Amino acid sequence: MLVGTMMIGDPLNKPVLKADANLGTRPIIDGFDSSRFLGSTTNFYIGIKNIKLDTTAIGVGTSAVALNWPVSQATQLYNVDFSMPNFSQHVGITMDGGSSGGGSGTILSDLVLSPLCDIGM
């Protein structure tokens, strides 16, 4: 996601972003703006609201990430659902900004991780 990007879905009928089985270890959404010179320390003004992220099409033995969120100030995750298979190698949220650090997600609110999901922070 580039700086200044907002993804906002319908709160009563959340759109689903479903991972393709061939996604591999790439996240469904990568909140890291790799075009920024200073990486996650300048990744401002982005947000995701009212969205479902689904990794259930990826095998349980394959490492998968729903959201990579190495962001900085003025960012938010609000009313986001993470759907992953039971007992899998899947991770709901990571903060992998590479050599520029992990970020500091400002607002995390109303997140639903199901079933038996992991927040990899």
N, C-alpha and C. Protein backbone atom coordinates (compact mmCIF):
# COMPACT_ATOMS: atom_id res chain seq x y z
N MET A 1 0.85 -1.18 0.00
CA MET A 1 0.00 0.00 0.00
C MET A 1 0.89 1.24 0.00
N LEU A 2 0.59 2.16 -0.87
CA LEU A 2 1.32 3.41 -0.92
C LEU A 2 0.82 4.35 0.17
N VAL A 3 1.67 5.29 0.59
CA VAL A 3 1.30 6.28 1.58
C VAL A 3 0.04 7.01 1.11
N GLY A 4 -0.91 7.19 2.01
CA GLY A 4 -2.15 7.87 1.69
C GLY A 4 -3.26 6.97 1.19
N THR A 5 -3.07 5.65 1.23
CA THR A 5 -4.07 4.71 0.72
C THR A 5 -5.02 4.29 1.83
N MET A 6 -6.31 4.33 1.54
CA MET A 6 -7.33 3.83 2.46
C MET A 6 -8.14 2.76 1.73
N MET A 7 -8.28 1.59 2.33
CA MET A 7 -9.16 0.54 1.80
C MET A 7 -10.35 0.46 2.74
N ILE A 8 -11.53 0.82 2.23
CA ILE A 8 -12.71 0.85 3.08
C ILE A 8 -13.82 0.06 2.42
N GLY A 9 -14.31 -0.97 3.12
CA GLY A 9 -15.41 -1.79 2.63
C GLY A 9 -16.70 -1.46 3.34
N ASP A 10 -17.75 -2.09 2.91
CA ASP A 10 -19.08 -1.93 3.51
C ASP A 10 -19.09 -2.63 4.87
N PRO A 11 -19.35 -1.92 5.96
CA PRO A 11 -19.30 -2.55 7.29
C PRO A 11 -20.38 -3.62 7.50
N LEU A 12 -21.47 -3.55 6.75
CA LEU A 12 -22.55 -4.53 6.91
C LEU A 12 -22.39 -5.73 5.99
N ASN A 13 -21.59 -5.60 4.95
CA ASN A 13 -21.34 -6.68 4.00
C ASN A 13 -19.89 -6.58 3.55
N LYS A 14 -18.98 -6.98 4.43
CA LYS A 14 -17.55 -6.79 4.18
C LYS A 14 -17.09 -7.52 2.92
N PRO A 15 -16.36 -6.84 2.06
CA PRO A 15 -15.76 -7.54 0.92
C PRO A 15 -14.68 -8.50 1.42
N VAL A 16 -14.52 -9.63 0.71
CA VAL A 16 -13.55 -10.65 1.10
C VAL A 16 -12.39 -10.62 0.11
N LEU A 17 -11.17 -10.48 0.63
CA LEU A 17 -9.97 -10.64 -0.17
C LEU A 17 -9.43 -12.03 0.15
N LYS A 18 -9.59 -12.94 -0.79
CA LYS A 18 -9.25 -14.34 -0.56
C LYS A 18 -7.93 -14.65 -1.26
N ALA A 19 -7.00 -15.24 -0.52
CA ALA A 19 -5.70 -15.60 -1.07
C ALA A 19 -5.84 -16.72 -2.08
N ASP A 20 -5.11 -16.63 -3.15
CA ASP A 20 -5.01 -17.70 -4.13
C ASP A 20 -4.11 -18.78 -3.54
N ALA A 21 -4.37 -20.03 -3.86
CA ALA A 21 -3.57 -21.14 -3.33
C ALA A 21 -2.10 -21.01 -3.72
N ASN A 22 -1.78 -20.27 -4.77
CA ASN A 22 -0.39 -20.10 -5.23
C ASN A 22 0.28 -18.86 -4.67
N LEU A 23 -0.35 -18.18 -3.71
CA LEU A 23 0.20 -16.95 -3.16
C LEU A 23 1.54 -17.20 -2.47
N GLY A 24 1.69 -18.37 -1.88
CA GLY A 24 2.94 -18.69 -1.18
C GLY A 24 3.09 -17.86 0.07
N THR A 25 4.28 -17.33 0.32
CA THR A 25 4.55 -16.58 1.54
C THR A 25 4.27 -15.08 1.39
N ARG A 26 3.85 -14.63 0.22
CA ARG A 26 3.50 -13.22 0.05
C ARG A 26 2.17 -12.95 0.77
N PRO A 27 2.05 -11.80 1.43
CA PRO A 27 0.80 -11.49 2.13
C PRO A 27 -0.32 -11.13 1.15
N ILE A 28 -1.56 -11.31 1.59
CA ILE A 28 -2.70 -10.85 0.78
C ILE A 28 -2.58 -9.34 0.58
N ILE A 29 -2.35 -8.62 1.68
CA ILE A 29 -2.11 -7.18 1.62
C ILE A 29 -0.77 -6.90 2.25
N ASP A 30 0.05 -6.14 1.54
CA ASP A 30 1.34 -5.70 2.08
C ASP A 30 1.26 -4.21 2.36
N GLY A 31 1.16 -3.85 3.62
CA GLY A 31 1.07 -2.46 4.02
C GLY A 31 2.39 -1.72 3.94
N PHE A 32 3.44 -2.42 3.55
CA PHE A 32 4.78 -1.81 3.48
C PHE A 32 4.95 -1.11 2.15
N ASP A 33 5.18 0.19 2.19
CA ASP A 33 5.42 0.98 0.97
C ASP A 33 6.91 0.94 0.68
N SER A 34 7.33 -0.02 -0.13
CA SER A 34 8.76 -0.20 -0.42
C SER A 34 9.32 0.91 -1.29
N SER A 35 8.48 1.79 -1.82
CA SER A 35 8.98 2.90 -2.64
C SER A 35 9.52 4.03 -1.78
N ARG A 36 9.20 4.02 -0.50
CA ARG A 36 9.65 5.09 0.41
C ARG A 36 11.10 4.87 0.79
N PHE A 37 11.90 5.92 0.76
CA PHE A 37 13.32 5.82 1.04
C PHE A 37 13.62 5.30 2.44
N LEU A 38 12.86 5.71 3.42
CA LEU A 38 13.13 5.32 4.80
C LEU A 38 12.27 4.16 5.29
N GLY A 39 11.57 3.50 4.39
CA GLY A 39 10.83 2.30 4.76
C GLY A 39 9.68 2.55 5.70
N SER A 40 9.51 1.67 6.67
CA SER A 40 8.33 1.71 7.53
C SER A 40 8.27 2.97 8.40
N THR A 41 9.40 3.66 8.61
CA THR A 41 9.38 4.86 9.45
C THR A 41 8.68 6.02 8.76
N THR A 42 8.44 5.95 7.46
CA THR A 42 7.73 7.01 6.76
C THR A 42 6.45 6.50 6.10
N ASN A 43 5.94 5.39 6.55
CA ASN A 43 4.74 4.78 5.97
C ASN A 43 3.50 5.29 6.71
N PHE A 44 3.08 6.52 6.37
CA PHE A 44 2.01 7.23 7.08
C PHE A 44 0.68 7.15 6.34
N TYR A 45 -0.38 7.51 7.04
CA TYR A 45 -1.70 7.78 6.48
C TYR A 45 -2.25 6.64 5.62
N ILE A 46 -2.20 5.43 6.13
CA ILE A 46 -2.84 4.31 5.43
C ILE A 46 -3.80 3.62 6.40
N GLY A 47 -4.81 3.01 5.84
CA GLY A 47 -5.77 2.33 6.69
C GLY A 47 -6.57 1.29 5.96
N ILE A 48 -7.05 0.33 6.73
CA ILE A 48 -7.92 -0.71 6.21
C ILE A 48 -9.11 -0.80 7.16
N LYS A 49 -10.32 -0.69 6.60
CA LYS A 49 -11.55 -0.74 7.40
C LYS A 49 -12.56 -1.66 6.72
N ASN A 50 -13.25 -2.45 7.52
CA ASN A 50 -14.41 -3.22 7.06
C ASN A 50 -14.06 -4.18 5.92
N ILE A 51 -13.03 -5.00 6.10
CA ILE A 51 -12.55 -5.93 5.09
C ILE A 51 -12.37 -7.30 5.75
N LYS A 52 -12.54 -8.38 4.97
CA LYS A 52 -12.21 -9.74 5.42
C LYS A 52 -11.01 -10.22 4.62
N LEU A 53 -10.03 -10.80 5.31
CA LEU A 53 -8.86 -11.41 4.67
C LEU A 53 -8.93 -12.91 4.92
N ASP A 54 -8.85 -13.71 3.87
CA ASP A 54 -9.10 -15.15 3.97
C ASP A 54 -7.94 -15.93 3.33
N THR A 55 -7.26 -16.75 4.14
CA THR A 55 -6.15 -17.58 3.63
C THR A 55 -6.52 -19.06 3.56
N THR A 56 -7.80 -19.39 3.66
CA THR A 56 -8.20 -20.79 3.74
C THR A 56 -7.93 -21.59 2.46
N ALA A 57 -7.68 -20.94 1.33
CA ALA A 57 -7.39 -21.66 0.09
C ALA A 57 -5.94 -22.17 0.05
N ILE A 58 -5.11 -21.67 0.96
CA ILE A 58 -3.71 -22.09 1.03
C ILE A 58 -3.61 -23.27 1.99
N GLY A 59 -2.86 -24.29 1.63
CA GLY A 59 -2.73 -25.49 2.46
C GLY A 59 -2.24 -25.20 3.87
N VAL A 60 -2.67 -26.01 4.82
CA VAL A 60 -2.31 -25.80 6.23
C VAL A 60 -0.82 -25.95 6.49
N GLY A 61 -0.11 -26.70 5.66
CA GLY A 61 1.32 -26.89 5.84
C GLY A 61 2.17 -25.82 5.18
N THR A 62 1.53 -24.90 4.48
CA THR A 62 2.24 -23.82 3.79
C THR A 62 2.20 -22.56 4.65
N SER A 63 3.33 -21.92 4.85
CA SER A 63 3.35 -20.64 5.57
C SER A 63 2.63 -19.60 4.75
N ALA A 64 1.72 -18.88 5.37
CA ALA A 64 0.95 -17.85 4.69
C ALA A 64 0.74 -16.67 5.63
N VAL A 65 0.63 -15.48 5.06
CA VAL A 65 0.41 -14.26 5.84
C VAL A 65 -0.79 -13.53 5.25
N ALA A 66 -1.73 -13.16 6.10
CA ALA A 66 -2.88 -12.39 5.62
C ALA A 66 -2.51 -10.92 5.41
N LEU A 67 -1.81 -10.32 6.39
CA LEU A 67 -1.51 -8.89 6.33
C LEU A 67 -0.12 -8.60 6.86
N ASN A 68 0.69 -7.91 6.08
CA ASN A 68 1.97 -7.39 6.56
C ASN A 68 1.75 -5.91 6.84
N TRP A 69 1.96 -5.47 8.08
CA TRP A 69 1.56 -4.14 8.53
C TRP A 69 2.70 -3.38 9.22
N PRO A 70 3.87 -3.19 8.54
CA PRO A 70 4.97 -2.43 9.14
C PRO A 70 4.79 -0.95 8.82
N VAL A 71 3.96 -0.29 9.57
CA VAL A 71 3.56 1.07 9.26
C VAL A 71 3.98 2.03 10.37
N SER A 72 3.72 3.29 10.15
CA SER A 72 4.11 4.30 11.11
C SER A 72 2.87 5.06 11.60
N GLN A 73 3.01 6.34 11.88
CA GLN A 73 1.92 7.11 12.47
C GLN A 73 0.76 7.32 11.50
N ALA A 74 -0.40 7.65 12.08
CA ALA A 74 -1.63 7.96 11.34
C ALA A 74 -2.08 6.78 10.48
N THR A 75 -2.01 5.57 11.05
CA THR A 75 -2.45 4.36 10.35
C THR A 75 -3.49 3.66 11.20
N GLN A 76 -4.32 2.84 10.55
CA GLN A 76 -5.33 2.14 11.33
C GLN A 76 -5.80 0.87 10.65
N LEU A 77 -6.12 -0.11 11.49
CA LEU A 77 -6.84 -1.31 11.09
C LEU A 77 -8.11 -1.30 11.92
N TYR A 78 -9.25 -1.30 11.27
CA TYR A 78 -10.51 -1.22 11.99
C TYR A 78 -11.53 -2.15 11.36
N ASN A 79 -12.13 -2.99 12.18
CA ASN A 79 -13.18 -3.91 11.75
C ASN A 79 -12.69 -4.82 10.61
N VAL A 80 -11.55 -5.47 10.84
CA VAL A 80 -10.96 -6.39 9.87
C VAL A 80 -11.06 -7.81 10.41
N ASP A 81 -11.56 -8.73 9.57
CA ASP A 81 -11.66 -10.14 9.93
C ASP A 81 -10.56 -10.93 9.22
N PHE A 82 -9.94 -11.84 9.95
CA PHE A 82 -8.91 -12.72 9.39
C PHE A 82 -9.44 -14.15 9.49
N SER A 83 -9.57 -14.82 8.37
CA SER A 83 -10.07 -16.19 8.36
C SER A 83 -8.96 -17.11 7.86
N MET A 84 -8.56 -18.06 8.73
CA MET A 84 -7.48 -18.98 8.41
C MET A 84 -7.87 -20.38 8.85
N PRO A 85 -7.28 -21.40 8.21
CA PRO A 85 -7.64 -22.77 8.60
C PRO A 85 -7.08 -23.15 9.97
N ASN A 86 -7.77 -24.07 10.63
CA ASN A 86 -7.30 -24.58 11.92
C ASN A 86 -5.92 -25.22 11.81
N PHE A 87 -5.12 -25.04 12.85
CA PHE A 87 -3.84 -25.72 13.01
C PHE A 87 -2.94 -25.57 11.78
N SER A 88 -2.89 -24.38 11.24
CA SER A 88 -2.12 -24.14 10.03
C SER A 88 -0.83 -23.37 10.34
N GLN A 89 -0.04 -23.18 9.31
CA GLN A 89 1.19 -22.39 9.38
C GLN A 89 0.90 -20.93 9.02
N HIS A 90 -0.35 -20.51 9.07
CA HIS A 90 -0.75 -19.17 8.65
C HIS A 90 -0.64 -18.18 9.80
N VAL A 91 -0.35 -16.94 9.45
CA VAL A 91 -0.22 -15.86 10.43
C VAL A 91 -1.17 -14.74 10.01
N GLY A 92 -1.90 -14.17 10.95
CA GLY A 92 -2.84 -13.09 10.66
C GLY A 92 -2.14 -11.80 10.31
N ILE A 93 -1.29 -11.30 11.22
CA ILE A 93 -0.64 -10.00 11.03
C ILE A 93 0.85 -10.12 11.35
N THR A 94 1.67 -9.60 10.46
CA THR A 94 3.10 -9.46 10.74
C THR A 94 3.46 -7.99 10.59
N MET A 95 4.63 -7.63 11.08
CA MET A 95 5.14 -6.27 10.92
C MET A 95 6.56 -6.35 10.40
N ASP A 96 6.70 -6.89 9.20
CA ASP A 96 8.02 -7.09 8.60
C ASP A 96 8.34 -5.96 7.62
N GLY A 97 9.16 -5.03 8.08
CA GLY A 97 9.60 -3.92 7.23
C GLY A 97 11.01 -4.11 6.74
N GLY A 98 11.50 -5.35 6.79
CA GLY A 98 12.87 -5.60 6.34
C GLY A 98 13.86 -4.87 7.21
N SER A 99 14.87 -4.29 6.62
CA SER A 99 15.92 -3.61 7.37
C SER A 99 15.46 -2.28 7.97
N SER A 100 14.26 -1.80 7.58
CA SER A 100 13.80 -0.51 8.11
C SER A 100 12.95 -0.68 9.37
N GLY A 101 12.78 -1.89 9.84
CA GLY A 101 12.09 -2.09 11.11
C GLY A 101 10.69 -2.63 10.95
N GLY A 102 9.99 -2.67 12.08
CA GLY A 102 8.70 -3.30 12.10
C GLY A 102 7.52 -2.37 12.14
N GLY A 103 7.73 -1.09 12.28
CA GLY A 103 6.61 -0.16 12.29
C GLY A 103 5.98 -0.04 13.66
N SER A 104 4.93 0.76 13.70
CA SER A 104 4.23 1.02 14.96
C SER A 104 2.76 1.30 14.66
N GLY A 105 2.01 0.25 14.36
CA GLY A 105 0.59 0.43 14.03
C GLY A 105 -0.12 1.22 15.10
N THR A 106 -0.70 2.34 14.73
CA THR A 106 -1.28 3.25 15.70
C THR A 106 -2.60 2.76 16.25
N ILE A 107 -3.57 2.47 15.39
CA ILE A 107 -4.89 2.04 15.85
C ILE A 107 -5.17 0.64 15.34
N LEU A 108 -5.41 -0.28 16.26
CA LEU A 108 -5.85 -1.63 15.94
C LEU A 108 -7.14 -1.84 16.72
N SER A 109 -8.27 -1.96 16.00
CA SER A 109 -9.55 -2.02 16.69
C SER A 109 -10.50 -2.99 16.00
N ASP A 110 -11.25 -3.74 16.78
CA ASP A 110 -12.27 -4.66 16.28
C ASP A 110 -11.71 -5.64 15.25
N LEU A 111 -10.61 -6.30 15.59
CA LEU A 111 -10.03 -7.32 14.73
C LEU A 111 -10.56 -8.67 15.15
N VAL A 112 -10.95 -9.49 14.18
CA VAL A 112 -11.46 -10.83 14.47
C VAL A 112 -10.52 -11.82 13.81
N LEU A 113 -9.89 -12.68 14.63
CA LEU A 113 -8.97 -13.69 14.13
C LEU A 113 -9.61 -15.05 14.38
N SER A 114 -9.88 -15.80 13.31
CA SER A 114 -10.56 -17.07 13.51
C SER A 114 -10.12 -18.10 12.48
N PRO A 115 -10.21 -19.36 12.80
CA PRO A 115 -10.14 -19.94 14.14
C PRO A 115 -8.69 -20.18 14.54
N LEU A 116 -8.42 -20.19 15.80
CA LEU A 116 -7.08 -20.45 16.35
C LEU A 116 -5.99 -19.74 15.56
N CYS A 117 -6.17 -18.44 15.37
CA CYS A 117 -5.22 -17.68 14.56
C CYS A 117 -4.15 -17.06 15.43
N ASP A 118 -3.12 -16.59 14.77
CA ASP A 118 -1.95 -16.04 15.46
C ASP A 118 -1.71 -14.63 14.96
N ILE A 119 -1.43 -13.72 15.90
CA ILE A 119 -0.94 -12.40 15.52
C ILE A 119 0.56 -12.49 15.67
N GLY A 120 1.28 -12.40 14.56
CA GLY A 120 2.74 -12.57 14.58
C GLY A 120 3.47 -11.27 14.83
N MET A 121 3.19 -10.59 15.94
CA MET A 121 3.87 -9.33 16.21
C MET A 121 5.00 -9.54 17.17
